[in-house]
Amino acid sequence: NIYYSDSVKGRFAISRDNAKNTVYLQMNNL
């Protein structure tokens, strides 16, 4: 389950890589 603040909705995206045990924050249109 993923949720965002209103200030970044539609621009930022959270994802994960289980194999690397890593979470990403993709930030677009900065």
PDB file of all heavy atoms in Angstrom:
ATOM      1  N   ASN A   1       0.851  -1.184   0.000  1.00  0.00           N
ATOM      2  CA  ASN A   1       0.000   0.000   0.000  1.00  0.00           C
ATOM      3  C   ASN A   1       0.886   1.233   0.000  1.00  0.00           C
ATOM      4  O   ASN A   1       1.822   1.336   0.791  1.00  0.00           O
ATOM      5  CB  ASN A   1      -0.916   0.019   1.221  1.00  0.00           C
ATOM      6  CG  ASN A   1      -2.000  -1.029   1.151  1.00  0.00           C
ATOM      7  OD1 ASN A   1      -2.381  -1.477   0.071  1.00  0.00           O
ATOM      8  ND2 ASN A   1      -2.507  -1.424   2.309  1.00  0.00           N
ATOM      9  N   ILE A   2       0.571   2.157  -0.874  1.00  0.00           N
ATOM     10  CA  ILE A   2       1.380   3.358  -1.046  1.00  0.00           C
ATOM     11  C   ILE A   2       0.487   4.579  -0.954  1.00  0.00           C
ATOM     12  O   ILE A   2      -0.609   4.599  -1.518  1.00  0.00           O
ATOM     13  CB  ILE A   2       2.116   3.343  -2.398  1.00  0.00           C
ATOM     14  CG1 ILE A   2       3.004   2.094  -2.512  1.00  0.00           C
ATOM     15  CG2 ILE A   2       2.950   4.605  -2.571  1.00  0.00           C
ATOM     16  CD1 ILE A   2       3.613   1.896  -3.876  1.00  0.00           C
ATOM     17  N   TYR A   3       0.960   5.603  -0.282  1.00  0.00           N
ATOM     18  CA  TYR A   3       0.193   6.829  -0.181  1.00  0.00           C
ATOM     19  C   TYR A   3       1.144   8.021  -0.166  1.00  0.00           C
ATOM     20  O   TYR A   3       2.300   7.911   0.226  1.00  0.00           O
ATOM     21  CB  TYR A   3      -0.725   6.837   1.046  1.00  0.00           C
ATOM     22  CG  TYR A   3      -0.128   6.227   2.287  1.00  0.00           C
ATOM     23  CD1 TYR A   3       0.462   7.008   3.266  1.00  0.00           C
ATOM     24  CD2 TYR A   3      -0.172   4.850   2.489  1.00  0.00           C
ATOM     25  CE1 TYR A   3       1.004   6.447   4.408  1.00  0.00           C
ATOM     26  CE2 TYR A   3       0.366   4.272   3.624  1.00  0.00           C
ATOM     27  CZ  TYR A   3       0.952   5.076   4.583  1.00  0.00           C
ATOM     28  OH  TYR A   3       1.484   4.507   5.715  1.00  0.00           O
ATOM     29  N   TYR A   4       0.624   9.168  -0.596  1.00  0.00           N
ATOM     30  CA  TYR A   4       1.433  10.349  -0.799  1.00  0.00           C
ATOM     31  C   TYR A   4       0.775  11.576  -0.182  1.00  0.00           C
ATOM     32  O   TYR A   4      -0.441  11.630  -0.014  1.00  0.00           O
ATOM     33  CB  TYR A   4       1.626  10.631  -2.288  1.00  0.00           C
ATOM     34  CG  TYR A   4       2.170   9.475  -3.083  1.00  0.00           C
ATOM     35  CD1 TYR A   4       1.320   8.589  -3.732  1.00  0.00           C
ATOM     36  CD2 TYR A   4       3.534   9.272  -3.197  1.00  0.00           C
ATOM     37  CE1 TYR A   4       1.819   7.529  -4.473  1.00  0.00           C
ATOM     38  CE2 TYR A   4       4.042   8.215  -3.937  1.00  0.00           C
ATOM     39  CZ  TYR A   4       3.178   7.350  -4.567  1.00  0.00           C
ATOM     40  OH  TYR A   4       3.676   6.298  -5.305  1.00  0.00           O
ATOM     41  N   SER A   5       1.599  12.550   0.108  1.00  0.00           N
ATOM     42  CA  SER A   5       1.059  13.842   0.481  1.00  0.00           C
ATOM     43  C   SER A   5       0.486  14.526  -0.756  1.00  0.00           C
ATOM     44  O   SER A   5       0.873  14.236  -1.892  1.00  0.00           O
ATOM     45  CB  SER A   5       2.137  14.722   1.118  1.00  0.00           C
ATOM     46  OG  SER A   5       3.110  15.103   0.159  1.00  0.00           O
ATOM     47  N   ASP A   6      -0.431  15.448  -0.536  1.00  0.00           N
ATOM     48  CA  ASP A   6      -1.063  16.133  -1.655  1.00  0.00           C
ATOM     49  C   ASP A   6      -0.064  16.933  -2.480  1.00  0.00           C
ATOM     50  O   ASP A   6      -0.253  17.114  -3.684  1.00  0.00           O
ATOM     51  CB  ASP A   6      -2.171  17.064  -1.153  1.00  0.00           C
ATOM     52  CG  ASP A   6      -3.367  16.304  -0.621  1.00  0.00           C
ATOM     53  OD1 ASP A   6      -3.539  15.123  -0.983  1.00  0.00           O
ATOM     54  OD2 ASP A   6      -4.142  16.899   0.152  1.00  0.00           O
ATOM     55  N   SER A   7       0.985  17.393  -1.856  1.00  0.00           N
ATOM     56  CA  SER A   7       1.938  18.242  -2.548  1.00  0.00           C
ATOM     57  C   SER A   7       2.729  17.516  -3.624  1.00  0.00           C
ATOM     58  O   SER A   7       3.292  18.152  -4.515  1.00  0.00           O
ATOM     59  CB  SER A   7       2.903  18.884  -1.544  1.00  0.00           C
ATOM     60  OG  SER A   7       3.678  17.903  -0.882  1.00  0.00           O
ATOM     61  N   VAL A   8       2.785  16.195  -3.557  1.00  0.00           N
ATOM     62  CA  VAL A   8       3.585  15.441  -4.520  1.00  0.00           C
ATOM     63  C   VAL A   8       2.776  14.454  -5.340  1.00  0.00           C
ATOM     64  O   VAL A   8       3.327  13.815  -6.245  1.00  0.00           O
ATOM     65  CB  VAL A   8       4.748  14.695  -3.831  1.00  0.00           C
ATOM     66  CG1 VAL A   8       5.602  15.668  -3.029  1.00  0.00           C
ATOM     67  CG2 VAL A   8       4.231  13.574  -2.943  1.00  0.00           C
ATOM     68  N   LYS A   9       1.510  14.316  -5.061  1.00  0.00           N
ATOM     69  CA  LYS A   9       0.673  13.385  -5.815  1.00  0.00           C
ATOM     70  C   LYS A   9       0.697  13.723  -7.301  1.00  0.00           C
ATOM     71  O   LYS A   9       0.585  14.875  -7.695  1.00  0.00           O
ATOM     72  CB  LYS A   9      -0.765  13.425  -5.309  1.00  0.00           C
ATOM     73  CG  LYS A   9      -0.990  12.711  -3.996  1.00  0.00           C
ATOM     74  CD  LYS A   9      -2.451  12.765  -3.599  1.00  0.00           C
ATOM     75  CE  LYS A   9      -2.696  12.043  -2.288  1.00  0.00           C
ATOM     76  NZ  LYS A   9      -4.111  12.147  -1.857  1.00  0.00           N
ATOM     77  N   GLY A  10       0.858  12.686  -8.097  1.00  0.00           N
ATOM     78  CA  GLY A  10       0.914  12.865  -9.530  1.00  0.00           C
ATOM     79  C   GLY A  10       2.297  13.158 -10.065  1.00  0.00           C
ATOM     80  O   GLY A  10       2.519  13.078 -11.277  1.00  0.00           O
ATOM     81  N   ARG A  11       3.231  13.497  -9.191  1.00  0.00           N
ATOM     82  CA  ARG A  11       4.600  13.790  -9.615  1.00  0.00           C
ATOM     83  C   ARG A  11       5.612  12.800  -9.053  1.00  0.00           C
ATOM     84  O   ARG A  11       6.592  12.469  -9.718  1.00  0.00           O
ATOM     85  CB  ARG A  11       5.004  15.205  -9.200  1.00  0.00           C
ATOM     86  CG  ARG A  11       4.167  16.299  -9.831  1.00  0.00           C
ATOM     87  CD  ARG A  11       4.763  17.676  -9.561  1.00  0.00           C
ATOM     88  NE  ARG A  11       4.818  17.981  -8.129  1.00  0.00           N
ATOM     89  CZ  ARG A  11       5.932  18.241  -7.455  1.00  0.00           C
ATOM     90  NH1 ARG A  11       7.101  18.249  -8.083  1.00  0.00           N
ATOM     91  NH2 ARG A  11       5.884  18.522  -6.161  1.00  0.00           N
ATOM     92  N   PHE A  12       5.389  12.355  -7.836  1.00  0.00           N
ATOM     93  CA  PHE A  12       6.303  11.423  -7.189  1.00  0.00           C
ATOM     94  C   PHE A  12       5.686  10.039  -7.147  1.00  0.00           C
ATOM     95  O   PHE A  12       4.465   9.888  -7.086  1.00  0.00           O
ATOM     96  CB  PHE A  12       6.607  11.863  -5.755  1.00  0.00           C
ATOM     97  CG  PHE A  12       7.438  13.109  -5.633  1.00  0.00           C
ATOM     98  CD1 PHE A  12       7.704  13.914  -6.726  1.00  0.00           C
ATOM     99  CD2 PHE A  12       7.949  13.471  -4.394  1.00  0.00           C
ATOM    100  CE1 PHE A  12       8.462  15.064  -6.600  1.00  0.00           C
ATOM    101  CE2 PHE A  12       8.710  14.615  -4.257  1.00  0.00           C
ATOM    102  CZ  PHE A  12       8.973  15.418  -5.351  1.00  0.00           C
ATOM    103  N   ALA A  13       6.535   9.032  -7.158  1.00  0.00           N
ATOM    104  CA  ALA A  13       6.064   7.656  -7.097  1.00  0.00           C
ATOM    105  C   ALA A  13       7.019   6.817  -6.266  1.00  0.00           C
ATOM    106  O   ALA A  13       8.229   6.874  -6.463  1.00  0.00           O
ATOM    107  CB  ALA A  13       5.916   7.067  -8.498  1.00  0.00           C
ATOM    108  N   ILE A  14       6.469   6.064  -5.360  1.00  0.00           N
ATOM    109  CA  ILE A  14       7.248   5.164  -4.519  1.00  0.00           C
ATOM    110  C   ILE A  14       7.138   3.749  -5.060  1.00  0.00           C
ATOM    111  O   ILE A  14       6.053   3.292  -5.421  1.00  0.00           O
ATOM    112  CB  ILE A  14       6.764   5.218  -3.061  1.00  0.00           C
ATOM    113  CG1 ILE A  14       7.025   6.605  -2.466  1.00  0.00           C
ATOM    114  CG2 ILE A  14       7.439   4.141  -2.214  1.00  0.00           C
ATOM    115  CD1 ILE A  14       6.404   6.809  -1.099  1.00  0.00           C
ATOM    116  N   SER A  15       8.257   3.067  -5.110  1.00  0.00           N
ATOM    117  CA  SER A  15       8.278   1.677  -5.533  1.00  0.00           C
ATOM    118  C   SER A  15       9.302   0.918  -4.708  1.00  0.00           C
ATOM    119  O   SER A  15      10.036   1.515  -3.912  1.00  0.00           O
ATOM    120  CB  SER A  15       8.588   1.556  -7.030  1.00  0.00           C
ATOM    121  OG  SER A  15       9.866   2.097  -7.327  1.00  0.00           O
ATOM    122  N   ARG A  16       9.353  -0.376  -4.906  1.00  0.00           N
ATOM    123  CA  ARG A  16      10.284  -1.195  -4.140  1.00  0.00           C
ATOM    124  C   ARG A  16      10.908  -2.265  -5.008  1.00  0.00           C
ATOM    125  O   ARG A  16      10.355  -2.668  -6.035  1.00  0.00           O
ATOM    126  CB  ARG A  16       9.574  -1.847  -2.953  1.00  0.00           C
ATOM    127  CG  ARG A  16       8.518  -2.866  -3.371  1.00  0.00           C
ATOM    128  CD  ARG A  16       7.823  -3.479  -2.193  1.00  0.00           C
ATOM    129  NE  ARG A  16       6.840  -4.472  -2.605  1.00  0.00           N
ATOM    130  CZ  ARG A  16       6.040  -5.129  -1.795  1.00  0.00           C
ATOM    131  NH1 ARG A  16       6.096  -4.888  -0.497  1.00  0.00           N
ATOM    132  NH2 ARG A  16       5.179  -6.017  -2.270  1.00  0.00           N
ATOM    133  N   ASP A  17      12.055  -2.732  -4.582  1.00  0.00           N
ATOM    134  CA  ASP A  17      12.730  -3.863  -5.186  1.00  0.00           C
ATOM    135  C   ASP A  17      13.025  -4.834  -4.056  1.00  0.00           C
ATOM    136  O   ASP A  17      13.941  -4.608  -3.265  1.00  0.00           O
ATOM    137  CB  ASP A  17      14.012  -3.431  -5.894  1.00  0.00           C
ATOM    138  CG  ASP A  17      14.672  -4.552  -6.664  1.00  0.00           C
ATOM    139  OD1 ASP A  17      14.574  -5.716  -6.260  1.00  0.00           O
ATOM    140  OD2 ASP A  17      15.316  -4.257  -7.698  1.00  0.00           O
ATOM    141  N   ASN A  18      12.246  -5.887  -3.985  1.00  0.00           N
ATOM    142  CA  ASN A  18      12.392  -6.827  -2.881  1.00  0.00           C
ATOM    143  C   ASN A  18      13.759  -7.513  -2.865  1.00  0.00           C
ATOM    144  O   ASN A  18      14.326  -7.758  -1.800  1.00  0.00           O
ATOM    145  CB  ASN A  18      11.295  -7.885  -2.948  1.00  0.00           C
ATOM    146  CG  ASN A  18       9.932  -7.321  -2.615  1.00  0.00           C
ATOM    147  OD1 ASN A  18       9.808  -6.265  -1.999  1.00  0.00           O
ATOM    148  ND2 ASN A  18       8.889  -8.039  -3.013  1.00  0.00           N
ATOM    149  N   ALA A  19      14.277  -7.826  -4.041  1.00  0.00           N
ATOM    150  CA  ALA A  19      15.560  -8.502  -4.124  1.00  0.00           C
ATOM    151  C   ALA A  19      16.684  -7.650  -3.557  1.00  0.00           C
ATOM    152  O   ALA A  19      17.632  -8.162  -2.962  1.00  0.00           O
ATOM    153  CB  ALA A  19      15.870  -8.893  -5.566  1.00  0.00           C
ATOM    154  N   LYS A  20      16.585  -6.347  -3.747  1.00  0.00           N
ATOM    155  CA  LYS A  20      17.604  -5.430  -3.253  1.00  0.00           C
ATOM    156  C   LYS A  20      17.254  -4.825  -1.905  1.00  0.00           C
ATOM    157  O   LYS A  20      18.057  -4.079  -1.338  1.00  0.00           O
ATOM    158  CB  LYS A  20      17.837  -4.303  -4.265  1.00  0.00           C
ATOM    159  CG  LYS A  20      18.373  -4.764  -5.599  1.00  0.00           C
ATOM    160  CD  LYS A  20      18.577  -3.583  -6.535  1.00  0.00           C
ATOM    161  CE  LYS A  20      19.138  -4.030  -7.867  1.00  0.00           C
ATOM    162  NZ  LYS A  20      19.331  -2.880  -8.796  1.00  0.00           N
ATOM    163  N   ASN A  21      16.066  -5.146  -1.409  1.00  0.00           N
ATOM    164  CA  ASN A  21      15.578  -4.581  -0.158  1.00  0.00           C
ATOM    165  C   ASN A  21      15.692  -3.056  -0.179  1.00  0.00           C
ATOM    166  O   ASN A  21      16.184  -2.429   0.765  1.00  0.00           O
ATOM    167  CB  ASN A  21      16.338  -5.162   1.035  1.00  0.00           C
ATOM    168  CG  ASN A  21      15.535  -5.109   2.318  1.00  0.00           C
ATOM    169  OD1 ASN A  21      14.310  -5.232   2.298  1.00  0.00           O
ATOM    170  ND2 ASN A  21      16.209  -4.929   3.447  1.00  0.00           N
ATOM    171  N   THR A  22      15.216  -2.486  -1.264  1.00  0.00           N
ATOM    172  CA  THR A  22      15.369  -1.065  -1.511  1.00  0.00           C
ATOM    173  C   THR A  22      14.030  -0.447  -1.895  1.00  0.00           C
ATOM    174  O   THR A  22      13.258  -1.043  -2.645  1.00  0.00           O
ATOM    175  CB  THR A  22      16.389  -0.818  -2.629  1.00  0.00           C
ATOM    176  OG1 THR A  22      17.671  -1.311  -2.216  1.00  0.00           O
ATOM    177  CG2 THR A  22      16.512   0.661  -2.949  1.00  0.00           C
ATOM    178  N   VAL A  23      13.789   0.725  -1.380  1.00  0.00           N
ATOM    179  CA  VAL A  23      12.623   1.517  -1.737  1.00  0.00           C
ATOM    180  C   VAL A  23      13.088   2.728  -2.527  1.00  0.00           C
ATOM    181  O   VAL A  23      14.108   3.346  -2.198  1.00  0.00           O
ATOM    182  CB  VAL A  23      11.834   1.944  -0.487  1.00  0.00           C
ATOM    183  CG1 VAL A  23      10.724   2.933  -0.852  1.00  0.00           C
ATOM    184  CG2 VAL A  23      11.239   0.729   0.200  1.00  0.00           C
ATOM    185  N   TYR A  24      12.338   3.069  -3.554  1.00  0.00           N
ATOM    186  CA  TYR A  24      12.690   4.176  -4.422  1.00  0.00           C
ATOM    187  C   TYR A  24      11.649   5.278  -4.333  1.00  0.00           C
ATOM    188  O   TYR A  24      10.466   5.029  -4.109  1.00  0.00           O
ATOM    189  CB  TYR A  24      12.795   3.725  -5.877  1.00  0.00           C
ATOM    190  CG  TYR A  24      13.798   2.625  -6.096  1.00  0.00           C
ATOM    191  CD1 TYR A  24      13.391   1.297  -6.187  1.00  0.00           C
ATOM    192  CD2 TYR A  24      15.151   2.907  -6.207  1.00  0.00           C
ATOM    193  CE1 TYR A  24      14.309   0.286  -6.385  1.00  0.00           C
ATOM    194  CE2 TYR A  24      16.075   1.896  -6.408  1.00  0.00           C
ATOM    195  CZ  TYR A  24      15.653   0.590  -6.497  1.00  0.00           C
ATOM    196  OH  TYR A  24      16.566  -0.407  -6.691  1.00  0.00           O
ATOM    197  N   LEU A  25      12.113   6.474  -4.530  1.00  0.00           N
ATOM    198  CA  LEU A  25      11.234   7.620  -4.670  1.00  0.00           C
ATOM    199  C   LEU A  25      11.548   8.274  -6.008  1.00  0.00           C
ATOM    200  O   LEU A  25      12.563   8.962  -6.147  1.00  0.00           O
ATOM    201  CB  LEU A  25      11.419   8.615  -3.524  1.00  0.00           C
ATOM    202  CG  LEU A  25      10.552   9.877  -3.591  1.00  0.00           C
ATOM    203  CD1 LEU A  25       9.075   9.521  -3.449  1.00  0.00           C
ATOM    204  CD2 LEU A  25      10.964  10.877  -2.519  1.00  0.00           C
ATOM    205  N   GLN A  26      10.700   8.018  -6.983  1.00  0.00           N
ATOM    206  CA  GLN A  26      10.843   8.637  -8.292  1.00  0.00           C
ATOM    207  C   GLN A  26      10.193  10.010  -8.248  1.00  0.00           C
ATOM    208  O   GLN A  26       9.011  10.128  -7.933  1.00  0.00           O
ATOM    209  CB  GLN A  26      10.192   7.777  -9.368  1.00  0.00           C
ATOM    210  CG  GLN A  26      10.246   8.371 -10.770  1.00  0.00           C
ATOM    211  CD  GLN A  26      11.651   8.430 -11.322  1.00  0.00           C
ATOM    212  OE1 GLN A  26      12.395   7.456 -11.221  1.00  0.00           O
ATOM    213  NE2 GLN A  26      12.024   9.558 -11.909  1.00  0.00           N
ATOM    214  N   MET A  27      10.954  11.025  -8.570  1.00  0.00           N
ATOM    215  CA  MET A  27      10.478  12.395  -8.510  1.00  0.00           C
ATOM    216  C   MET A  27      10.515  12.988  -9.910  1.00  0.00           C
ATOM    217  O   MET A  27      11.583  13.102 -10.519  1.00  0.00           O
ATOM    218  CB  MET A  27      11.330  13.226  -7.547  1.00  0.00           C
ATOM    219  CG  MET A  27      11.422  12.632  -6.153  1.00  0.00           C
ATOM    220  SD  MET A  27      12.355  13.675  -5.003  1.00  0.00           S
ATOM    221  CE  MET A  27      13.976  13.617  -5.770  1.00  0.00           C
ATOM    222  N   ASN A  28       9.353  13.357 -10.401  1.00  0.00           N
ATOM    223  CA  ASN A  28       9.225  13.927 -11.730  1.00  0.00           C
ATOM    224  C   ASN A  28       8.707  15.358 -11.655  1.00  0.00           C
ATOM    225  O   ASN A  28       8.075  15.754 -10.675  1.00  0.00           O
ATOM    226  CB  ASN A  28       8.278  13.084 -12.585  1.00  0.00           C
ATOM    227  CG  ASN A  28       8.754  11.665 -12.764  1.00  0.00           C
ATOM    228  OD1 ASN A  28       9.938  11.419 -12.983  1.00  0.00           O
ATOM    229  ND2 ASN A  28       7.826  10.715 -12.687  1.00  0.00           N
ATOM    230  N   ASN A  29       8.962  16.092 -12.714  1.00  0.00           N
ATOM    231  CA  ASN A  29       8.514  17.481 -12.798  1.00  0.00           C
ATOM    232  C   ASN A  29       8.875  18.259 -11.540  1.00  0.00           C
ATOM    233  O   ASN A  29       8.048  18.928 -10.925  1.00  0.00           O
ATOM    234  CB  ASN A  29       7.010  17.541 -13.056  1.00  0.00           C
ATOM    235  CG  ASN A  29       6.536  18.925 -13.457  1.00  0.00           C
ATOM    236  OD1 ASN A  29       7.306  19.733 -13.973  1.00  0.00           O
ATOM    237  ND2 ASN A  29       5.262  19.213 -13.212  1.00  0.00           N
ATOM    238  N   LEU A  30      10.129  18.176 -11.172  1.00  0.00           N
ATOM    239  CA  LEU A  30      10.579  18.824  -9.952  1.00  0.00           C
ATOM    240  C   LEU A  30      10.495  20.343 -10.065  1.00  0.00           C
ATOM    241  O   LEU A  30      10.771  20.915 -11.121  1.00  0.00           O
ATOM    242  CB  LEU A  30      12.012  18.404  -9.631  1.00  0.00           C
ATOM    243  CG  LEU A  30      12.139  16.986  -9.071  1.00  0.00           C
ATOM    244  CD1 LEU A  30      13.562  16.474  -9.220  1.00  0.00           C
ATOM    245  CD2 LEU A  30      11.707  16.961  -7.611  1.00  0.00           C
TER     246      LEU A  30
END
